[in-house]
Each structure stands twice: as C-alpha cells, then as structure tokens.
Amino acid sequence: MTGPAHAPYDTLKPIADGIWIIDGAPVRSNWLMRGTRATVVKLHDGSLWVYAPTTLTTNLQAELDALGPVKHLIVPNTKYLTVLPVWQATYMDAIVYGAPGVPELAEGRAERVRVDCELDIDQAEAEWDGQLGQMLVRGSWRHREMVFFHHDSATLILADLIQAHDTNAMPAWMRPIVWLAGTEHTDGKMPYLMARGFNREALEESVEKLIAFAPERVILSQGHWYQSNGTAELQRAFRRLVGSQQWLRALTTMERMRNHKSK
C-alpha cells in the first residue's frame, strides 16, 4: 500500500519513533513535475540527520530547531545539490556527506556548494553506526545512490531507486511520460531507463541486501511511499530481477541434486 498524499508541504511528519518525513512541493525535473521528500532521523545523541534535503522554509526551520540540532546532511546521489546552499548557510556546523561522485560534481557547480565527506559504500559512518545501516546500490556508473536502513523503526530510506508517481494529480499530457517510465504509483519501481544502465548481477546483489534488511516501511523521495509490508513492496518492485534469479538458483539446485543422485 502506498503512503498518504504529499500535502501539507514543508513540515515534519512523524512516521515512527525517532523518524520523520518532509514532503516538499512539486518541482520540475525535465518534462515532469515531481514531488520531493526528505527523511529526518533523530540520532541517540539528540542530533538530527537529514536525507535528501528539500526546500528549507522558515516554518520548517523552526520545527527542526525545536526537535534538535541539524548535524548531518546526506546527499544520496548527484540530483540533490540544488537546495543545499540554503541548508549550509542555516546550519553552518552541519557536516555534508555525499554519495560517490557528489563531491566532484559539487566542486564544478557555479553556486557555492560544500560537500565535506564521501560516504562509505559498505558500512555506516561512526556518527550513526548501530543506528543506521548504509550501502551503495551497485551496478551503475551513472546512478550511484546511497541508501539507509533505520534499525529502530525497520525503515528503509531510498531516494530515486524506486519511484511511484501519482498520475491522478498530474496534467493529462504528463501521464504518458510516467507510464512509459514504468513508475506510476499503482506499481512503483525503478524507471526503465535507469534500470537499463545497471549491471544485472550487481544490482541483484544489492537488491537482495535491501530485502535482507526486512523493512517494515520504505520511504521514497519521489511519489508515494510504503507505510507497511515494505519487504513485500521491494520484492514486487524488483520482481523481474529477483524472480528470474530465484528461478535460476532453483534450476541450479535441481541440477546439483540430479548429479548427486547419479553418482
């Protein structure tokens, strides 16, 4: 099942103990008006960790300040640098962590953007080790996305790996774009063009790790998100990838059993 509608915008919405989302107003991305969504986690030391920051308004800043100090800003892939200068100017002590490729892109931008650290692709940073798991989704040089798992709430946090756009809220002329991309909210998944840029085996390995987290919910930065049955939603979204590999493993196991019996 998909999560609630995006509005109201630019306000903290609790989804479990210690974790909130912020739904941002739709922004234009190429031909598509898409929603945006940040995730906020309150770490055990009381500091705030913000994934895929959205537009920072005065009211949102007041809500965050009342919740705790913003200390960690996460740029999950190269598409999330636009609003970063405002966050950096507001929270000057916050450390900015970027996915692979983000620091290099930030250096080449005309506006002032600072990325302090490149995220470790295999293990959590010391500041949130034991609270958030992290990993790079492997298999593509074009789309390198860092994803996280909040242990206390069993919540998987993604950016664009899965998209689930609500075509009912779009102008009629935009809907075919979403349908062709395969990212309509009734069957959210990785966009077809993005999937074509991944090595199948590497992506399968990453997806199996995501499923192994056994998430109860899955937050997406684009479109609806999944409040419950998170593991099943992952299996559904990647059913072609996971399904074909399950068949291959089953056939391999049968072949081994047949060879064992013939000896």
Protein backbone atom coordinates (compact mmCIF):
# COMPACT_ATOMS: atom_id res chain seq x y z
CA MET A 1 0.00 0.00 0.00
CA THR A 2 1.17 3.50 -0.71
CA GLY A 3 1.57 6.27 1.81
CA PRO A 4 -0.56 9.37 2.32
CA ALA A 5 -0.85 12.28 -0.10
CA HIS A 6 2.05 14.70 -0.06
CA ALA A 7 0.35 17.82 1.31
CA PRO A 8 0.86 19.58 3.67
CA TYR A 9 4.28 20.59 2.43
CA ASP A 10 7.44 21.66 4.25
CA THR A 11 6.50 20.31 7.67
CA LEU A 12 7.72 17.43 9.82
CA LYS A 13 5.51 14.33 9.70
CA PRO A 14 6.29 11.57 12.23
CA ILE A 15 6.13 8.05 10.81
CA ALA A 16 7.67 6.09 13.71
CA ASP A 17 9.61 6.75 16.88
CA GLY A 18 12.64 8.90 16.05
CA ILE A 19 11.96 9.30 12.32
CA TRP A 20 10.03 11.88 10.26
CA ILE A 21 9.47 12.76 6.61
CA ILE A 22 9.20 16.19 4.98
CA ASP A 23 7.11 16.34 1.82
CA GLY A 24 8.31 19.15 -0.43
CA ALA A 25 6.24 20.97 -3.02
CA PRO A 26 6.46 19.54 -6.56
CA VAL A 27 9.45 20.66 -8.64
CA ARG A 28 10.06 20.43 -12.36
CA SER A 29 12.51 17.75 -13.46
CA ASN A 30 12.94 17.78 -17.23
CA TRP A 31 9.36 17.32 -18.51
CA LEU A 32 7.94 16.05 -15.25
CA MET A 33 6.58 17.79 -12.18
CA ARG A 34 7.57 15.50 -9.34
CA GLY A 35 7.24 15.54 -5.60
CA THR A 36 10.20 15.69 -3.25
CA ARG A 37 10.66 14.10 0.15
CA ALA A 38 13.33 14.34 2.84
CA THR A 39 13.79 11.98 5.77
CA VAL A 40 14.84 13.13 9.23
CA VAL A 41 16.22 10.82 11.91
CA LYS A 42 16.94 11.83 15.50
CA LEU A 43 20.14 10.07 16.50
CA HIS A 44 20.75 8.79 20.01
CA ASP A 45 22.90 11.85 20.84
CA GLY A 46 19.94 14.13 20.05
CA SER A 47 21.30 15.44 16.75
CA LEU A 48 19.32 15.40 13.50
CA TRP A 49 20.30 13.50 10.36
CA VAL A 50 18.62 14.74 7.15
CA TYR A 51 18.50 12.64 3.96
CA ALA A 52 17.78 14.26 0.58
CA PRO A 53 17.00 17.75 1.95
CA THR A 54 14.01 19.58 0.44
CA THR A 55 13.34 23.33 0.37
CA LEU A 56 14.08 24.86 3.78
CA THR A 57 11.35 27.30 4.80
CA THR A 58 11.20 29.49 7.91
CA ASN A 59 8.47 27.34 9.49
CA LEU A 60 10.32 24.11 8.74
CA GLN A 61 13.50 25.53 10.25
CA ALA A 62 11.61 26.36 13.44
CA GLU A 63 10.25 22.81 13.63
CA LEU A 64 13.69 21.30 13.14
CA ASP A 65 15.31 23.60 15.69
CA ALA A 66 12.69 22.59 18.25
CA LEU A 67 13.44 18.92 17.57
CA GLY A 68 17.24 19.09 17.83
CA PRO A 69 20.40 20.44 16.18
CA VAL A 70 20.84 19.57 12.50
CA LYS A 71 24.30 17.99 12.36
CA HIS A 72 24.29 15.67 9.33
CA LEU A 73 23.10 16.42 5.76
CA ILE A 74 23.01 13.48 3.35
CA VAL A 75 23.19 13.93 -0.44
CA PRO A 76 22.15 10.45 -1.69
CA ASN A 77 23.04 10.96 -5.35
CA THR A 78 24.04 13.72 -7.76
CA LYS A 79 20.50 15.10 -8.14
CA TYR A 80 20.21 16.58 -4.64
CA LEU A 81 22.57 19.56 -4.59
CA THR A 82 20.17 22.35 -5.61
CA VAL A 83 18.80 23.32 -2.18
CA LEU A 84 21.96 22.50 -0.26
CA PRO A 85 23.41 26.07 -0.09
CA VAL A 86 20.43 27.28 1.96
CA TRP A 87 20.79 24.42 4.45
CA GLN A 88 24.52 25.04 4.72
CA ALA A 89 24.04 28.76 5.33
CA THR A 90 21.46 27.99 8.04
CA TYR A 91 23.25 25.09 9.72
CA MET A 92 26.89 26.08 9.37
CA ASP A 93 28.13 23.37 11.74
CA ALA A 94 26.38 20.56 9.89
CA ILE A 95 28.59 18.06 8.04
CA VAL A 96 27.58 17.30 4.46
CA TYR A 97 28.03 13.70 3.31
CA GLY A 98 27.76 12.81 -0.37
CA ALA A 99 27.39 9.65 -2.40
CA PRO A 100 30.27 8.73 -4.72
CA GLY A 101 30.50 11.35 -7.46
CA VAL A 102 28.75 14.05 -5.45
CA PRO A 103 31.90 15.82 -4.12
CA GLU A 104 33.34 16.12 -7.64
CA LEU A 105 30.06 17.47 -9.01
CA ALA A 106 29.77 19.98 -6.18
CA GLU A 107 33.22 21.39 -6.96
CA GLY A 108 32.18 22.09 -10.54
CA ARG A 109 28.96 23.97 -9.75
CA ALA A 110 28.74 27.73 -10.12
CA GLU A 111 26.85 28.25 -6.85
CA ARG A 112 28.65 27.68 -3.57
CA VAL A 113 28.13 24.06 -2.51
CA ARG A 114 30.30 22.28 0.02
CA VAL A 115 30.48 18.52 0.46
CA ASP A 116 32.64 17.56 3.41
CA CYS A 117 32.81 13.76 3.19
CA GLU A 118 32.17 10.98 0.71
CA LEU A 119 30.01 8.28 2.26
CA ASP A 120 31.46 4.85 2.88
CA ILE A 121 29.83 2.50 0.39
CA ASP A 122 29.83 -0.58 2.65
CA GLN A 123 29.46 0.42 6.29
CA ALA A 124 27.86 3.09 8.44
CA GLU A 125 29.75 6.20 9.45
CA ALA A 126 30.90 6.28 13.08
CA GLU A 127 28.42 9.05 13.92
CA TRP A 128 25.42 6.75 13.36
CA ASP A 129 26.92 3.27 13.45
CA GLY A 130 24.46 0.83 15.04
CA GLN A 131 21.53 3.17 14.35
CA LEU A 132 21.55 3.39 10.57
CA GLY A 133 22.84 0.85 8.09
CA GLN A 134 24.14 2.24 4.79
CA MET A 135 25.18 0.89 1.41
CA LEU A 136 25.74 1.91 -2.18
CA VAL A 137 23.41 0.33 -4.73
CA ARG A 138 25.96 -1.11 -7.12
CA GLY A 139 25.91 -1.78 -10.83
CA SER A 140 25.73 1.66 -12.50
CA TRP A 141 28.29 4.39 -13.10
CA ARG A 142 25.51 6.85 -13.97
CA HIS A 143 23.21 6.42 -10.96
CA ARG A 144 25.15 5.87 -7.75
CA GLU A 145 22.69 6.04 -4.87
CA MET A 146 23.36 5.64 -1.15
CA VAL A 147 20.50 4.05 0.78
CA PHE A 148 20.00 3.66 4.53
CA PHE A 149 18.14 1.45 6.99
CA HIS A 150 16.87 2.83 10.31
CA HIS A 151 17.16 -0.12 12.67
CA ASP A 152 14.86 1.07 15.45
CA SER A 153 11.87 1.55 13.14
CA ALA A 154 12.77 -1.04 10.46
CA THR A 155 12.55 1.69 7.82
CA LEU A 156 14.43 1.56 4.52
CA ILE A 157 15.27 5.02 3.15
CA LEU A 158 15.68 5.39 -0.62
CA ALA A 159 15.95 8.39 -2.93
CA ASP A 160 15.18 7.62 -6.61
CA LEU A 161 15.85 3.88 -6.84
CA ILE A 162 12.09 3.26 -6.74
CA GLN A 163 9.61 5.90 -7.93
CA ALA A 164 5.83 5.87 -7.54
CA HIS A 165 4.34 8.99 -9.11
CA ASP A 166 0.63 9.74 -8.65
CA THR A 167 -0.65 10.28 -12.19
CA ASN A 168 -4.08 11.27 -10.85
CA ALA A 169 -2.53 14.52 -9.61
CA MET A 170 -0.79 15.26 -12.94
CA PRO A 171 -1.97 17.04 -16.08
CA ALA A 172 -3.12 14.56 -18.71
CA TRP A 173 -0.18 15.31 -21.01
CA MET A 174 2.33 14.28 -18.30
CA ARG A 175 0.80 10.90 -17.58
CA PRO A 176 2.17 9.04 -20.63
CA ILE A 177 5.71 10.02 -19.57
CA VAL A 178 5.21 8.27 -16.23
CA TRP A 179 3.53 5.27 -17.81
CA LEU A 180 6.39 4.84 -20.29
CA ALA A 181 8.92 5.11 -17.45
CA GLY A 182 7.02 2.40 -15.56
CA THR A 183 6.78 4.49 -12.39
CA GLU A 184 3.03 5.00 -11.91
CA HIS A 185 2.09 4.85 -8.23
CA THR A 186 -0.04 1.72 -8.53
CA ASP A 187 3.10 -0.24 -9.49
CA GLY A 188 6.10 1.84 -8.39
CA LYS A 189 9.50 0.58 -9.48
CA MET A 190 12.89 1.63 -10.84
CA PRO A 191 12.46 3.72 -14.02
CA TYR A 192 13.12 1.66 -17.13
CA LEU A 193 15.90 3.93 -18.43
CA MET A 194 17.65 3.85 -15.05
CA ALA A 195 17.39 0.06 -14.89
CA ARG A 196 18.95 -0.27 -18.35
CA GLY A 197 22.07 1.45 -17.02
CA PHE A 198 22.68 -1.18 -14.32
CA ASN A 199 24.67 -4.38 -14.48
CA ARG A 200 22.06 -7.02 -13.69
CA GLU A 201 24.16 -9.20 -11.40
CA ALA A 202 25.48 -6.28 -9.34
CA LEU A 203 22.00 -4.79 -8.99
CA GLU A 204 20.57 -8.16 -7.99
CA GLU A 205 23.16 -8.49 -5.23
CA SER A 206 22.29 -5.02 -3.91
CA VAL A 207 18.55 -5.68 -4.05
CA GLU A 208 18.97 -8.92 -2.13
CA LYS A 209 20.78 -6.98 0.61
CA LEU A 210 17.90 -4.47 0.73
CA ILE A 211 15.38 -7.29 1.05
CA ALA A 212 17.54 -8.91 3.76
CA PHE A 213 17.01 -5.81 5.92
CA ALA A 214 13.35 -6.96 6.09
CA PRO A 215 11.97 -3.41 6.22
CA GLU A 216 8.50 -2.74 7.58
CA ARG A 217 8.26 0.51 5.61
CA VAL A 218 10.10 2.00 2.62
CA ILE A 219 10.48 5.76 2.16
CA LEU A 220 10.91 7.06 -1.39
CA SER A 221 11.91 10.60 -2.35
CA GLN A 222 9.69 10.62 -5.45
CA GLY A 223 5.98 9.83 -5.34
CA HIS A 224 4.14 7.72 -2.80
CA TRP A 225 5.96 5.70 -0.17
CA TYR A 226 5.18 2.41 1.55
CA GLN A 227 3.94 2.58 5.13
CA SER A 228 3.74 -1.18 5.64
CA ASN A 229 4.70 -4.50 4.02
CA GLY A 230 7.99 -2.93 2.99
CA THR A 231 9.75 -6.21 2.22
CA ALA A 232 6.89 -7.35 0.00
CA GLU A 233 6.89 -4.00 -1.80
CA LEU A 234 10.60 -4.38 -2.54
CA GLN A 235 10.04 -7.86 -3.91
CA ARG A 236 7.18 -6.56 -6.04
CA ALA A 237 9.14 -3.56 -7.36
CA PHE A 238 12.08 -5.78 -8.36
CA ARG A 239 10.06 -8.88 -9.20
CA ARG A 240 11.52 -9.31 -12.69
CA LEU A 241 15.06 -9.15 -11.36
CA VAL A 242 14.51 -11.20 -8.21
CA GLY A 243 12.10 -13.64 -9.85
CA SER A 244 14.43 -14.60 -12.68
CA GLN A 245 17.34 -15.13 -10.31
CA GLN A 246 15.21 -17.28 -7.99
CA TRP A 247 14.32 -19.49 -10.94
CA LEU A 248 17.98 -19.72 -11.93
CA ARG A 249 19.01 -20.74 -8.41
CA ALA A 250 16.22 -23.30 -8.26
CA LEU A 251 17.31 -24.83 -11.56
CA THR A 252 20.93 -24.91 -10.39
CA THR A 253 19.91 -26.66 -7.16
CA MET A 254 17.88 -29.23 -9.12
CA GLU A 255 20.83 -29.90 -11.41
CA ARG A 256 23.13 -30.45 -8.41
CA MET A 257 20.64 -32.86 -6.83
CA ARG A 258 20.33 -34.76 -10.10
CA ASN A 259 24.12 -35.06 -10.45
CA HIS A 260 24.41 -36.19 -6.81
CA LYS A 261 21.82 -38.95 -7.33
CA SER A 262 23.54 -40.20 -10.49
CA LYS A 263 26.81 -40.84 -8.60
